């Protein structure tokens, strides 16, 4: 119990540090992606990233049935709840911080979900162009 509390505290400190420096794809402060379900590598609702975020979970995307099926076919099932990780499972309409590489893979397969640009971390531009993101912007 103590170890879990300490781990959560450390993650919270790291998330606050990352948030203080995080910018979106427009160079503005990164906005909240989603609090319900709680998303982001740090589970703080933001698509923040850091050196421990191997998957680079930086693109705030609105889930669709098509994308959920696509990512499941690639071995990443985002629709099935996983209580071990306190993961509720996603459904169409939910927002989630996606791995930039997975979003690009979906884009190349014409299965990319819409993106909340103000909540997408500038690090996404290391993997995709601003034009690709704008093309898929949530209206």
N, C-alpha and C. Protein backbone atom coordinates (compact mmCIF):
# COMPACT_ATOMS: atom_id res chain seq x y z
N UNK A 1 0.82 -1.19 0.00
CA UNK A 1 0.00 0.00 0.00
C UNK A 1 0.87 1.26 0.00
N UNK A 2 1.87 1.30 0.89
CA UNK A 2 2.76 2.44 0.98
C UNK A 2 3.51 2.65 -0.34
N UNK A 3 3.99 1.56 -0.92
CA UNK A 3 4.72 1.64 -2.18
C UNK A 3 3.84 2.21 -3.28
N UNK A 4 2.58 1.76 -3.33
CA UNK A 4 1.65 2.25 -4.34
C UNK A 4 1.40 3.75 -4.15
N UNK A 5 1.24 4.19 -2.92
CA UNK A 5 1.04 5.62 -2.65
C UNK A 5 2.26 6.43 -3.07
N UNK A 6 3.43 5.93 -2.76
CA UNK A 6 4.66 6.63 -3.15
C UNK A 6 4.80 6.70 -4.66
N UNK A 7 4.49 5.61 -5.34
CA UNK A 7 4.55 5.59 -6.80
C UNK A 7 3.58 6.61 -7.39
N UNK A 8 2.35 6.64 -6.87
CA UNK A 8 1.38 7.62 -7.35
C UNK A 8 1.86 9.04 -7.10
N UNK A 9 2.47 9.28 -5.96
CA UNK A 9 2.99 10.61 -5.64
C UNK A 9 4.09 11.01 -6.62
N UNK A 10 5.00 10.09 -6.91
CA UNK A 10 6.09 10.37 -7.84
C UNK A 10 5.53 10.66 -9.23
N UNK A 11 4.55 9.88 -9.67
CA UNK A 11 3.93 10.11 -10.98
C UNK A 11 3.27 11.47 -11.02
N UNK A 12 2.59 11.85 -9.94
CA UNK A 12 1.93 13.16 -9.88
C UNK A 12 2.96 14.28 -9.99
N UNK A 13 4.07 14.16 -9.29
CA UNK A 13 5.13 15.17 -9.35
C UNK A 13 5.68 15.26 -10.78
N UNK A 14 5.93 14.11 -11.40
CA UNK A 14 6.45 14.10 -12.77
C UNK A 14 5.45 14.72 -13.73
N UNK A 15 4.17 14.42 -13.54
CA UNK A 15 3.13 14.96 -14.42
C UNK A 15 3.04 16.47 -14.27
N UNK A 16 3.11 16.97 -13.05
CA UNK A 16 3.07 18.42 -12.84
C UNK A 16 4.26 19.10 -13.49
N UNK A 17 5.42 18.49 -13.41
CA UNK A 17 6.62 19.04 -14.05
C UNK A 17 6.43 19.07 -15.56
N UNK A 18 5.93 17.96 -16.12
CA UNK A 18 5.72 17.89 -17.57
C UNK A 18 4.67 18.89 -18.02
N UNK A 19 3.58 19.03 -17.26
CA UNK A 19 2.52 19.96 -17.63
C UNK A 19 3.02 21.40 -17.65
N UNK A 20 3.91 21.74 -16.75
CA UNK A 20 4.41 23.11 -16.68
C UNK A 20 5.17 23.50 -17.94
N UNK A 21 5.67 22.52 -18.65
CA UNK A 21 6.48 22.78 -19.84
C UNK A 21 5.78 22.38 -21.13
N UNK A 22 4.62 21.78 -21.08
CA UNK A 22 4.00 21.18 -22.25
C UNK A 22 3.29 22.20 -23.13
N UNK A 23 3.54 22.06 -24.43
CA UNK A 23 2.88 22.89 -25.43
C UNK A 23 2.16 21.99 -26.42
N UNK A 24 1.12 22.53 -27.05
CA UNK A 24 0.40 21.78 -28.07
C UNK A 24 1.03 22.04 -29.44
N UNK A 25 0.41 21.50 -30.48
CA UNK A 25 0.97 21.61 -31.84
C UNK A 25 0.98 23.03 -32.38
N UNK A 26 0.30 23.95 -31.71
CA UNK A 26 0.31 25.36 -32.10
C UNK A 26 1.29 26.18 -31.27
N UNK A 27 2.04 25.52 -30.38
CA UNK A 27 2.98 26.22 -29.52
C UNK A 27 2.32 26.92 -28.35
N UNK A 28 1.08 26.58 -28.09
CA UNK A 28 0.32 27.15 -26.97
C UNK A 28 0.29 26.13 -25.83
N UNK A 29 -0.11 26.55 -24.62
CA UNK A 29 -0.20 25.58 -23.51
C UNK A 29 -1.12 24.41 -23.86
N UNK A 30 -0.67 23.22 -23.53
CA UNK A 30 -1.41 22.00 -23.80
C UNK A 30 -2.70 21.98 -22.97
N UNK A 31 -3.83 21.73 -23.63
CA UNK A 31 -5.12 21.68 -22.95
C UNK A 31 -5.48 20.24 -22.59
N UNK A 32 -6.41 20.11 -21.66
CA UNK A 32 -6.91 18.82 -21.21
C UNK A 32 -7.46 18.02 -22.39
N UNK A 33 -7.13 16.75 -22.46
CA UNK A 33 -7.68 15.86 -23.48
C UNK A 33 -8.98 15.25 -22.96
N UNK A 34 -8.89 14.57 -21.81
CA UNK A 34 -10.08 13.91 -21.27
C UNK A 34 -9.85 13.50 -19.82
N UNK A 35 -10.85 13.74 -19.01
CA UNK A 35 -10.80 13.32 -17.61
C UNK A 35 -11.65 12.09 -17.35
N UNK A 36 -12.54 11.75 -18.28
CA UNK A 36 -13.43 10.61 -18.09
C UNK A 36 -13.61 9.88 -19.42
N UNK A 37 -12.89 8.82 -19.71
CA UNK A 37 -11.93 8.20 -18.79
C UNK A 37 -10.64 9.01 -18.69
N UNK A 38 -9.94 8.85 -17.60
CA UNK A 38 -8.68 9.56 -17.34
C UNK A 38 -7.63 9.03 -18.31
N UNK A 39 -7.10 9.92 -19.14
CA UNK A 39 -6.17 9.51 -20.19
C UNK A 39 -4.78 10.08 -19.95
N UNK A 40 -3.90 9.77 -20.86
CA UNK A 40 -2.53 10.27 -20.82
C UNK A 40 -1.58 9.28 -20.20
N UNK A 41 -0.33 9.35 -20.58
CA UNK A 41 0.68 8.45 -20.03
C UNK A 41 0.73 8.55 -18.52
N UNK A 42 0.53 9.77 -18.00
CA UNK A 42 0.56 9.98 -16.55
C UNK A 42 -0.83 9.88 -15.92
N UNK A 43 -1.85 9.56 -16.72
CA UNK A 43 -3.25 9.47 -16.27
C UNK A 43 -3.66 10.75 -15.54
N UNK A 44 -3.28 11.88 -16.15
CA UNK A 44 -3.63 13.18 -15.60
C UNK A 44 -4.63 13.92 -16.48
N UNK A 45 -5.08 13.26 -17.56
CA UNK A 45 -6.04 13.87 -18.48
C UNK A 45 -5.39 14.61 -19.63
N UNK A 46 -4.07 14.76 -19.59
CA UNK A 46 -3.33 15.48 -20.63
C UNK A 46 -2.46 14.51 -21.43
N UNK A 47 -2.18 14.87 -22.68
CA UNK A 47 -1.30 14.04 -23.52
C UNK A 47 0.16 14.47 -23.32
N UNK A 48 0.57 14.51 -22.07
CA UNK A 48 1.96 14.82 -21.73
C UNK A 48 2.84 13.62 -22.06
N UNK A 49 4.11 13.87 -22.19
CA UNK A 49 5.06 12.80 -22.47
C UNK A 49 6.35 13.06 -21.70
N UNK A 50 7.17 12.06 -21.64
CA UNK A 50 8.45 12.18 -20.97
C UNK A 50 9.34 11.03 -21.38
N UNK A 51 10.50 10.95 -20.79
CA UNK A 51 11.48 9.93 -21.19
C UNK A 51 11.00 8.50 -20.94
N UNK A 52 10.07 8.31 -20.02
CA UNK A 52 9.55 6.96 -19.74
C UNK A 52 8.41 6.56 -20.67
N UNK A 53 7.90 7.50 -21.44
CA UNK A 53 6.77 7.24 -22.34
C UNK A 53 7.28 6.68 -23.66
N UNK A 54 7.58 5.39 -23.65
CA UNK A 54 8.14 4.72 -24.83
C UNK A 54 7.20 4.84 -26.04
N UNK A 55 5.89 4.79 -25.82
CA UNK A 55 4.93 4.84 -26.92
C UNK A 55 4.62 6.23 -27.41
N UNK A 56 5.08 7.25 -26.74
CA UNK A 56 4.83 8.65 -27.10
C UNK A 56 3.33 8.88 -27.27
N UNK A 57 2.60 8.83 -26.15
CA UNK A 57 1.14 8.98 -26.11
C UNK A 57 0.77 10.46 -26.16
N UNK A 58 0.84 11.07 -27.34
CA UNK A 58 0.76 12.52 -27.45
C UNK A 58 -0.38 13.05 -28.32
N UNK A 59 -1.12 12.18 -28.98
CA UNK A 59 -2.20 12.63 -29.86
C UNK A 59 -3.54 12.40 -29.19
N UNK A 60 -4.25 13.49 -28.92
CA UNK A 60 -5.58 13.42 -28.31
C UNK A 60 -6.60 13.14 -29.42
N UNK A 61 -7.15 11.95 -29.41
CA UNK A 61 -8.03 11.52 -30.50
C UNK A 61 -9.39 11.06 -29.98
N UNK A 62 -10.40 11.29 -30.81
CA UNK A 62 -11.76 10.83 -30.50
C UNK A 62 -11.95 9.44 -31.08
N UNK A 63 -12.23 8.49 -30.22
CA UNK A 63 -12.35 7.10 -30.65
C UNK A 63 -13.54 6.90 -31.58
N UNK A 64 -13.32 6.03 -32.55
CA UNK A 64 -14.38 5.59 -33.46
C UNK A 64 -14.39 4.07 -33.46
N UNK A 65 -15.50 3.49 -33.86
CA UNK A 65 -15.57 2.03 -33.96
C UNK A 65 -14.51 1.53 -34.95
N UNK A 66 -14.33 2.26 -36.04
CA UNK A 66 -13.36 1.87 -37.05
C UNK A 66 -11.94 1.85 -36.47
N UNK A 67 -11.56 2.90 -35.74
CA UNK A 67 -10.21 2.93 -35.18
C UNK A 67 -10.03 1.87 -34.10
N UNK A 68 -11.03 1.70 -33.24
CA UNK A 68 -10.92 0.69 -32.18
C UNK A 68 -10.73 -0.70 -32.77
N UNK A 69 -11.42 -0.98 -33.87
CA UNK A 69 -11.26 -2.26 -34.56
C UNK A 69 -9.87 -2.35 -35.19
N UNK A 70 -9.43 -1.26 -35.80
CA UNK A 70 -8.11 -1.22 -36.43
C UNK A 70 -7.00 -1.49 -35.42
N UNK A 71 -7.01 -0.78 -34.30
CA UNK A 71 -5.94 -0.93 -33.32
C UNK A 71 -5.98 -2.31 -32.65
N UNK A 72 -7.19 -2.85 -32.49
CA UNK A 72 -7.32 -4.21 -31.95
C UNK A 72 -6.68 -5.22 -32.90
N UNK A 73 -6.87 -5.01 -34.21
CA UNK A 73 -6.29 -5.92 -35.20
C UNK A 73 -4.76 -5.86 -35.20
N UNK A 74 -4.20 -4.79 -34.64
CA UNK A 74 -2.75 -4.63 -34.54
C UNK A 74 -2.21 -5.09 -33.20
N UNK A 75 -3.09 -5.67 -32.37
CA UNK A 75 -2.66 -6.21 -31.09
C UNK A 75 -2.80 -5.27 -29.90
N UNK A 76 -3.45 -4.11 -30.11
CA UNK A 76 -3.65 -3.15 -29.02
C UNK A 76 -5.15 -2.95 -28.82
N UNK A 77 -5.73 -3.77 -27.96
CA UNK A 77 -7.17 -3.75 -27.71
C UNK A 77 -7.51 -2.64 -26.71
N UNK A 78 -8.05 -1.56 -27.21
CA UNK A 78 -8.43 -0.43 -26.35
C UNK A 78 -9.89 -0.47 -25.94
N UNK A 79 -10.66 -1.42 -26.45
CA UNK A 79 -12.09 -1.46 -26.14
C UNK A 79 -12.45 -2.39 -24.99
N UNK A 80 -11.58 -3.31 -24.64
CA UNK A 80 -11.87 -4.25 -23.57
C UNK A 80 -11.34 -3.73 -22.23
N UNK A 81 -12.20 -3.66 -21.21
CA UNK A 81 -11.73 -3.21 -19.89
C UNK A 81 -10.63 -4.13 -19.34
N UNK A 82 -9.69 -3.54 -18.61
CA UNK A 82 -8.63 -4.30 -17.96
C UNK A 82 -8.50 -3.80 -16.52
N UNK A 83 -9.20 -4.47 -15.59
CA UNK A 83 -9.21 -4.03 -14.19
C UNK A 83 -7.82 -3.97 -13.56
N UNK A 84 -6.90 -4.81 -13.99
CA UNK A 84 -5.55 -4.82 -13.42
C UNK A 84 -4.90 -3.44 -13.56
N UNK A 85 -5.16 -2.78 -14.70
CA UNK A 85 -4.59 -1.45 -14.95
C UNK A 85 -5.61 -0.34 -14.70
N UNK A 86 -6.74 -0.68 -14.10
CA UNK A 86 -7.83 0.28 -13.88
C UNK A 86 -8.23 0.94 -15.20
N UNK A 87 -8.21 0.14 -16.26
CA UNK A 87 -8.56 0.63 -17.60
C UNK A 87 -10.00 0.26 -17.90
N UNK A 88 -10.86 1.25 -18.15
CA UNK A 88 -12.29 0.98 -18.32
C UNK A 88 -12.68 0.42 -19.68
N UNK A 89 -11.78 0.47 -20.65
CA UNK A 89 -12.14 0.14 -22.02
C UNK A 89 -12.76 1.37 -22.67
N UNK A 90 -12.45 1.57 -23.94
CA UNK A 90 -12.94 2.76 -24.63
C UNK A 90 -14.08 2.42 -25.56
N UNK A 91 -14.89 3.42 -25.84
CA UNK A 91 -16.00 3.26 -26.78
C UNK A 91 -16.00 4.46 -27.72
N UNK A 92 -16.67 4.35 -28.85
CA UNK A 92 -16.73 5.49 -29.77
C UNK A 92 -17.21 6.74 -29.05
N UNK A 93 -16.53 7.85 -29.33
CA UNK A 93 -16.85 9.12 -28.70
C UNK A 93 -15.93 9.48 -27.55
N UNK A 94 -15.26 8.47 -26.96
CA UNK A 94 -14.29 8.74 -25.89
C UNK A 94 -13.05 9.40 -26.50
N UNK A 95 -12.41 10.25 -25.72
CA UNK A 95 -11.12 10.82 -26.13
C UNK A 95 -10.02 10.09 -25.39
N UNK A 96 -8.88 9.90 -26.08
CA UNK A 96 -7.77 9.15 -25.51
C UNK A 96 -6.46 9.64 -26.11
N UNK A 97 -5.41 9.64 -25.33
CA UNK A 97 -4.08 10.01 -25.82
C UNK A 97 -3.46 8.79 -26.51
N UNK A 98 -3.33 8.88 -27.80
CA UNK A 98 -2.81 7.77 -28.59
C UNK A 98 -1.31 7.89 -28.82
N UNK A 99 -0.69 6.73 -29.04
CA UNK A 99 0.70 6.70 -29.47
C UNK A 99 0.76 7.34 -30.86
N UNK A 100 1.72 8.22 -31.05
CA UNK A 100 1.84 8.92 -32.32
C UNK A 100 2.05 7.95 -33.48
N UNK A 101 2.84 6.92 -33.26
CA UNK A 101 3.11 5.96 -34.33
C UNK A 101 1.85 5.18 -34.70
N UNK A 102 1.01 4.82 -33.72
CA UNK A 102 -0.23 4.11 -34.02
C UNK A 102 -1.18 5.01 -34.81
N UNK A 103 -1.27 6.29 -34.41
CA UNK A 103 -2.14 7.21 -35.14
C UNK A 103 -1.67 7.34 -36.59
N UNK A 104 -0.35 7.45 -36.80
CA UNK A 104 0.20 7.56 -38.16
C UNK A 104 -0.08 6.29 -38.94
N UNK A 105 0.04 5.15 -38.30
CA UNK A 105 -0.26 3.88 -38.95
C UNK A 105 -1.73 3.85 -39.38
N UNK A 106 -2.62 4.32 -38.51
CA UNK A 106 -4.04 4.38 -38.85
C UNK A 106 -4.28 5.39 -39.97
N UNK A 107 -3.58 6.50 -39.93
CA UNK A 107 -3.70 7.52 -40.99
C UNK A 107 -3.34 6.90 -42.34
N UNK A 108 -2.23 6.18 -42.38
CA UNK A 108 -1.78 5.55 -43.63
C UNK A 108 -2.78 4.51 -44.13
N UNK A 109 -3.58 3.94 -43.22
CA UNK A 109 -4.58 2.92 -43.57
C UNK A 109 -5.99 3.53 -43.70
N UNK A 110 -6.07 4.86 -43.74
CA UNK A 110 -7.35 5.57 -43.82
C UNK A 110 -8.30 5.21 -42.68
N UNK A 111 -7.74 5.02 -41.48
CA UNK A 111 -8.55 4.66 -40.31
C UNK A 111 -8.27 5.59 -39.13
N UNK A 112 -7.61 6.72 -39.39
CA UNK A 112 -7.23 7.62 -38.29
C UNK A 112 -8.45 8.31 -37.70
N UNK A 113 -8.51 8.36 -36.38
CA UNK A 113 -9.60 9.08 -35.72
C UNK A 113 -9.35 10.59 -35.74
N UNK A 114 -10.39 11.35 -35.47
CA UNK A 114 -10.29 12.81 -35.38
C UNK A 114 -9.40 13.19 -34.20
N UNK A 115 -8.82 14.37 -34.28
CA UNK A 115 -7.83 14.83 -33.31
C UNK A 115 -8.27 16.15 -32.69
N UNK A 116 -8.10 16.26 -31.38
CA UNK A 116 -8.32 17.52 -30.66
C UNK A 116 -6.96 18.22 -30.64
N UNK A 117 -6.78 19.17 -31.56
CA UNK A 117 -5.47 19.78 -31.79
C UNK A 117 -4.91 20.52 -30.58
N UNK A 118 -5.75 21.25 -29.87
CA UNK A 118 -5.28 22.03 -28.72
C UNK A 118 -4.79 21.13 -27.58
N UNK A 119 -5.18 19.86 -27.64
CA UNK A 119 -4.82 18.89 -26.60
C UNK A 119 -3.78 17.89 -27.08
N UNK A 120 -3.27 18.10 -28.28
CA UNK A 120 -2.24 17.22 -28.85
C UNK A 120 -0.87 17.85 -28.63
N UNK A 121 0.01 17.09 -28.00
CA UNK A 121 1.35 17.57 -27.62
C UNK A 121 2.18 17.87 -28.86
N UNK A 122 3.01 18.91 -28.77
CA UNK A 122 3.87 19.30 -29.88
C UNK A 122 4.80 18.16 -30.33
N UNK A 123 5.08 17.22 -29.46
CA UNK A 123 5.94 16.07 -29.80
C UNK A 123 5.35 15.25 -30.95
N UNK A 124 4.03 15.34 -31.14
CA UNK A 124 3.38 14.62 -32.25
C UNK A 124 3.98 15.02 -33.59
N UNK A 125 4.47 16.26 -33.68
CA UNK A 125 5.02 16.76 -34.95
C UNK A 125 6.35 16.10 -35.31
N UNK A 126 6.90 15.30 -34.41
CA UNK A 126 8.08 14.49 -34.73
C UNK A 126 7.69 13.27 -35.57
N UNK A 127 6.39 12.96 -35.61
CA UNK A 127 5.91 11.74 -36.27
C UNK A 127 4.95 12.01 -37.43
N UNK A 128 4.20 13.10 -37.33
CA UNK A 128 3.21 13.44 -38.36
C UNK A 128 3.30 14.94 -38.64
N UNK A 129 2.72 15.36 -39.75
CA UNK A 129 2.75 16.79 -40.08
C UNK A 129 1.54 17.50 -39.48
N UNK A 130 1.69 18.80 -39.32
CA UNK A 130 0.56 19.60 -38.83
C UNK A 130 -0.60 19.51 -39.82
N UNK A 131 -0.29 19.41 -41.10
CA UNK A 131 -1.34 19.29 -42.12
C UNK A 131 -2.15 18.00 -41.94
N UNK A 132 -1.47 16.90 -41.65
CA UNK A 132 -2.17 15.63 -41.42
C UNK A 132 -3.09 15.74 -40.21
N UNK A 133 -2.61 16.40 -39.17
CA UNK A 133 -3.44 16.57 -37.97
C UNK A 133 -4.63 17.49 -38.24
N UNK A 134 -4.38 18.61 -38.91
CA UNK A 134 -5.47 19.55 -39.22
C UNK A 134 -6.53 18.88 -40.09
N UNK A 135 -6.09 18.06 -41.02
CA UNK A 135 -7.02 17.32 -41.89
C UNK A 135 -7.98 16.45 -41.07
N UNK A 136 -7.53 16.02 -39.90
CA UNK A 136 -8.35 15.15 -39.04
C UNK A 136 -8.80 15.85 -37.76
N UNK A 137 -8.85 17.17 -37.80
CA UNK A 137 -9.23 17.93 -36.60
C UNK A 137 -10.70 17.73 -36.26
N UNK A 138 -10.97 17.63 -34.96
CA UNK A 138 -12.35 17.62 -34.47
C UNK A 138 -12.92 18.99 -34.79
N UNK A 139 -14.07 19.00 -35.39
CA UNK A 139 -14.70 20.29 -35.76
C UNK A 139 -15.54 20.81 -34.62
